[in-house]
Amino acid sequence: MPDIHEFEKNLGYKFKNIAYLKNALTHTSYINEHKDKNISSNERIEFLGDSVLGLCVSEYLYLNYRNRSEGELSKIRASVVCEASLAKLAASLELGKYMIMGKGELQSGGNEKPSVTSDAMESVIAAIYLDSSFDNIKKMVLNWLTPSIIEAAEHRGRETDYKSVLQEYCQSRGMFPIYELISESGPDHEKTFEVSLTCGKCGSLRAKGSNKKKAQQEAARIMLEKLNIKF
């Protein structure tokens, strides 16, 4: 079991309730191997962290880039809170070293996979938020990500948020994209997710990705190409 108190030093934050951090670092593979223990994985707390992170970055963009449109702000935010950006932050904090994982997942290098560490980074953000306050985690998030935000703003987001582009297109025509998870396949450390995308009169299609977010982005990208929409 990794010494998560060491990770507190990397974060520069001392938890009042260390259980929050332990939960944030616990991967589902560990739960699958220890079903007799009354513990939970970081999937639910990641859900909260995603929203907390999004609000921190959204507020900063809203207050500091007043001349940018909603669409531009969405693209900038998407490039900052994407898997690659969060995995890079997690690596700088050596987060993977402290993840609590099943033996099989750990042996396969799961604690260094961007899809795993980026999700865990969101979980850690939620853990700090629950243990302290929004103002406190906002300061930490902006300390970590402001350089990335500034760089992304200068390039208006290097990674296209295909879902946002498609959403704007559909809403302007009275339609709403609907994403549905069709299937999950493969081992825990190398899952493949398949989703369907339906856009009213534009029809339906399917796409795959290493997680649900990526599968949805790929589906949106294919739909935009099908509709011959530039992005």
Protein backbone atom coordinates (compact mmCIF):
# COMPACT_ATOMS: atom_id res chain seq x y z
CA MET A 1 0.00 0.00 0.00
CA PRO A 2 1.55 3.35 -1.01
CA ASP A 3 2.19 5.99 1.64
CA ILE A 4 -0.38 8.58 0.60
CA HIS A 5 0.89 10.95 3.29
CA GLU A 6 3.92 11.44 1.03
CA PHE A 7 1.56 12.52 -1.73
CA GLU A 8 0.21 15.26 0.55
CA LYS A 9 3.69 16.82 0.41
CA ASN A 10 3.62 16.76 -3.38
CA LEU A 11 0.22 18.44 -3.32
CA GLY A 12 1.26 21.00 -0.73
CA TYR A 13 -1.92 20.27 1.17
CA LYS A 14 -2.48 18.47 4.49
CA PHE A 15 -5.83 16.70 4.75
CA LYS A 16 -7.96 17.03 7.85
CA ASN A 17 -9.78 13.86 6.78
CA ILE A 18 -7.33 11.59 4.95
CA ALA A 19 -10.21 9.30 3.95
CA TYR A 20 -11.07 11.75 1.15
CA LEU A 21 -7.62 11.38 -0.37
CA LYS A 22 -7.62 7.60 0.05
CA ASN A 23 -10.94 7.41 -1.79
CA ALA A 24 -9.62 9.67 -4.58
CA LEU A 25 -6.62 7.41 -5.16
CA THR A 26 -8.49 4.09 -5.05
CA HIS A 27 -8.94 2.55 -8.49
CA THR A 28 -11.84 0.23 -9.29
CA SER A 29 -9.38 -2.64 -9.92
CA TYR A 30 -8.50 -2.61 -6.21
CA ILE A 31 -12.15 -2.88 -5.27
CA ASN A 32 -12.59 -5.84 -7.61
CA GLU A 33 -9.78 -7.68 -5.84
CA HIS A 34 -10.99 -6.78 -2.32
CA LYS A 35 -14.74 -7.17 -2.46
CA ASP A 36 -14.76 -8.20 1.19
CA LYS A 37 -13.69 -4.71 2.26
CA ASN A 38 -16.23 -1.93 2.81
CA ILE A 39 -14.52 0.60 0.53
CA SER A 40 -15.41 2.36 -2.70
CA SER A 41 -13.46 3.41 -5.78
CA ASN A 42 -12.84 6.95 -6.97
CA GLU A 43 -15.52 6.83 -9.70
CA ARG A 44 -18.14 8.85 -7.77
CA ILE A 45 -15.71 11.42 -6.38
CA GLU A 46 -14.27 11.84 -9.88
CA PHE A 47 -17.75 12.91 -11.02
CA LEU A 48 -17.65 15.74 -8.47
CA GLY A 49 -14.07 16.66 -9.30
CA ASP A 50 -14.92 17.10 -12.97
CA SER A 51 -17.50 19.75 -12.05
CA VAL A 52 -15.29 21.50 -9.48
CA LEU A 53 -12.41 21.69 -11.96
CA GLY A 54 -14.71 22.95 -14.69
CA LEU A 55 -16.07 25.71 -12.47
CA CYS A 56 -12.59 26.83 -11.39
CA VAL A 57 -11.42 27.17 -14.98
CA SER A 58 -14.73 28.58 -16.25
CA GLU A 59 -14.80 31.34 -13.64
CA TYR A 60 -11.20 32.30 -14.42
CA LEU A 61 -11.93 32.46 -18.15
CA TYR A 62 -15.16 34.41 -17.64
CA LEU A 63 -13.44 37.04 -15.48
CA ASN A 64 -10.19 37.35 -17.44
CA TYR A 65 -11.24 36.97 -21.09
CA ARG A 66 -14.23 39.29 -21.38
CA ASN A 67 -13.79 39.76 -25.12
CA ARG A 68 -14.08 36.07 -25.92
CA SER A 69 -17.33 34.44 -27.03
CA GLU A 70 -18.98 31.51 -25.27
CA GLY A 71 -17.79 29.21 -28.03
CA GLU A 72 -14.19 30.36 -27.74
CA LEU A 73 -14.25 30.04 -23.95
CA SER A 74 -15.61 26.49 -24.27
CA LYS A 75 -12.77 25.52 -26.60
CA ILE A 76 -10.14 27.02 -24.30
CA ARG A 77 -11.60 25.27 -21.26
CA ALA A 78 -11.80 21.95 -23.13
CA SER A 79 -8.10 22.10 -24.02
CA VAL A 80 -7.17 22.80 -20.38
CA VAL A 81 -9.33 20.18 -18.65
CA CYS A 82 -8.73 17.44 -21.24
CA GLU A 83 -7.15 14.08 -20.50
CA ALA A 84 -3.70 15.06 -21.79
CA SER A 85 -3.54 18.22 -19.68
CA LEU A 86 -4.70 16.51 -16.49
CA ALA A 87 -2.40 13.52 -17.03
CA LYS A 88 0.52 15.95 -17.40
CA LEU A 89 -0.43 17.63 -14.13
CA ALA A 90 -0.80 14.24 -12.42
CA ALA A 91 2.67 13.24 -13.65
CA SER A 92 4.20 16.43 -12.26
CA LEU A 93 2.74 15.52 -8.86
CA GLU A 94 3.80 11.84 -9.20
CA LEU A 95 0.18 10.87 -8.61
CA GLY A 96 0.50 7.46 -10.27
CA LYS A 97 3.06 6.38 -7.69
CA TYR A 98 0.44 6.68 -4.94
CA MET A 99 -2.58 5.10 -6.60
CA ILE A 100 -4.23 2.19 -4.80
CA MET A 101 -4.77 -0.43 -7.49
CA GLY A 102 -5.30 -4.14 -8.01
CA LYS A 103 -2.13 -6.19 -8.53
CA GLY A 104 -2.99 -7.03 -12.12
CA GLU A 105 -3.70 -3.44 -13.06
CA LEU A 106 -0.54 -2.23 -11.33
CA GLN A 107 1.66 -4.83 -13.02
CA SER A 108 0.33 -3.78 -16.41
CA GLY A 109 1.33 -0.17 -15.73
CA GLY A 110 -2.20 1.06 -15.15
CA ASN A 111 -1.02 3.66 -12.66
CA GLU A 112 0.78 5.51 -15.45
CA LYS A 113 -2.00 5.44 -18.04
CA PRO A 114 -3.20 8.96 -18.93
CA SER A 115 -6.84 7.83 -18.87
CA VAL A 116 -6.37 6.57 -15.30
CA THR A 117 -4.22 9.36 -13.86
CA SER A 118 -6.32 12.14 -15.41
CA ASP A 119 -9.46 10.71 -13.80
CA ALA A 120 -7.62 10.34 -10.49
CA MET A 121 -6.48 13.97 -10.74
CA GLU A 122 -10.11 15.06 -10.93
CA SER A 123 -10.82 12.86 -7.91
CA VAL A 124 -8.02 14.48 -5.92
CA ILE A 125 -9.40 17.93 -6.77
CA ALA A 126 -12.79 16.85 -5.40
CA ALA A 127 -11.12 15.42 -2.28
CA ILE A 128 -9.42 18.74 -1.50
CA TYR A 129 -12.67 20.60 -2.17
CA LEU A 130 -14.59 18.36 0.26
CA ASP A 131 -11.84 18.63 2.87
CA SER A 132 -11.52 22.43 2.70
CA SER A 133 -13.47 24.86 0.50
CA PHE A 134 -14.06 25.93 -3.07
CA ASP A 135 -11.86 29.03 -2.64
CA ASN A 136 -8.98 26.86 -1.44
CA ILE A 137 -9.12 24.34 -4.28
CA LYS A 138 -9.62 27.16 -6.78
CA LYS A 139 -6.32 28.72 -5.67
CA MET A 140 -4.57 25.37 -6.07
CA VAL A 141 -6.11 24.60 -9.46
CA LEU A 142 -5.22 28.03 -10.82
CA ASN A 143 -1.70 27.73 -9.43
CA TRP A 144 -1.35 24.48 -11.34
CA LEU A 145 -3.16 25.38 -14.55
CA THR A 146 -2.96 29.14 -15.17
CA PRO A 147 0.08 28.79 -17.48
CA SER A 148 -1.85 26.19 -19.50
CA ILE A 149 -4.92 28.42 -19.58
CA ILE A 150 -2.91 31.37 -20.88
CA GLU A 151 -1.23 29.24 -23.54
CA ALA A 152 -4.55 27.73 -24.62
CA ALA A 153 -6.15 31.17 -24.77
CA GLU A 154 -3.38 32.40 -27.05
CA HIS A 155 -4.11 29.54 -29.44
CA ARG A 156 -7.87 29.51 -28.71
CA GLY A 157 -7.54 25.88 -27.65
CA ARG A 158 -5.24 23.58 -29.59
CA GLU A 159 -7.57 20.58 -29.15
CA THR A 160 -10.97 20.96 -30.74
CA ASP A 161 -13.93 20.21 -28.50
CA TYR A 162 -15.99 18.44 -31.14
CA LYS A 163 -18.94 17.93 -28.80
CA SER A 164 -19.25 21.69 -28.18
CA VAL A 165 -19.02 22.49 -31.89
CA LEU A 166 -21.71 19.93 -32.68
CA GLN A 167 -23.86 21.14 -29.79
CA GLU A 168 -23.81 24.72 -31.11
CA TYR A 169 -24.65 23.55 -34.62
CA CYS A 170 -27.57 21.39 -33.47
CA GLN A 171 -29.03 23.92 -31.03
CA SER A 172 -29.12 26.59 -33.74
CA ARG A 173 -31.34 24.21 -35.70
CA GLY A 174 -33.58 23.07 -32.85
CA MET A 175 -31.87 19.70 -32.41
CA PHE A 176 -30.04 18.13 -29.47
CA PRO A 177 -27.27 15.51 -29.75
CA ILE A 178 -28.03 12.37 -27.76
CA TYR A 179 -25.14 10.11 -26.68
CA GLU A 180 -25.74 6.59 -25.40
CA LEU A 181 -23.24 4.03 -24.15
CA ILE A 182 -23.63 0.88 -26.24
CA SER A 183 -20.96 -1.41 -24.81
CA GLU A 184 -17.76 -1.82 -22.80
CA SER A 185 -15.21 -4.47 -23.71
CA GLY A 186 -11.70 -5.55 -22.81
CA PRO A 187 -9.79 -5.85 -19.50
CA ASP A 188 -9.92 -3.09 -16.87
CA HIS A 189 -6.55 -1.66 -17.94
CA GLU A 190 -7.47 -1.55 -21.64
CA LYS A 191 -11.20 -1.08 -22.00
CA THR A 192 -12.93 0.03 -25.19
CA PHE A 193 -16.16 2.00 -25.00
CA GLU A 194 -18.66 2.22 -27.85
CA VAL A 195 -21.28 4.97 -27.96
CA SER A 196 -24.07 5.91 -30.32
CA LEU A 197 -24.82 9.49 -31.33
CA THR A 198 -28.18 10.64 -32.63
CA CYS A 199 -28.76 14.16 -33.96
CA GLY A 200 -32.35 14.43 -35.11
CA LYS A 201 -32.57 14.68 -38.90
CA CYS A 202 -28.78 14.33 -39.15
CA GLY A 203 -29.09 10.63 -38.37
CA SER A 204 -27.15 8.29 -36.09
CA LEU A 205 -23.70 6.75 -35.92
CA ARG A 206 -21.39 4.88 -33.58
CA ALA A 207 -17.82 5.44 -32.41
CA LYS A 208 -15.30 3.91 -30.02
CA GLY A 209 -12.73 5.26 -27.54
CA SER A 210 -10.60 4.28 -24.54
CA ASN A 211 -13.16 5.97 -22.26
CA LYS A 212 -16.68 7.37 -22.59
CA LYS A 213 -15.51 10.95 -23.07
CA LYS A 214 -13.17 9.99 -25.91
CA ALA A 215 -15.81 7.85 -27.57
CA GLN A 216 -18.30 10.73 -27.46
CA GLN A 217 -15.72 13.17 -28.85
CA GLU A 218 -14.92 10.76 -31.68
CA ALA A 219 -18.61 10.32 -32.46
CA ALA A 220 -19.07 14.11 -32.57
CA ARG A 221 -16.02 14.48 -34.82
CA ILE A 222 -17.34 11.89 -37.28
CA MET A 223 -20.78 13.56 -37.29
CA LEU A 224 -19.21 16.96 -38.04
CA GLU A 225 -17.29 15.44 -40.96
CA LYS A 226 -20.48 13.76 -42.18
CA LEU A 227 -22.23 17.14 -42.11
CA ASN A 228 -19.23 18.77 -43.83
CA ILE A 229 -18.87 21.28 -40.97
CA LYS A 230 -15.49 22.99 -40.64
CA PHE A 231 -13.92 23.08 -37.17
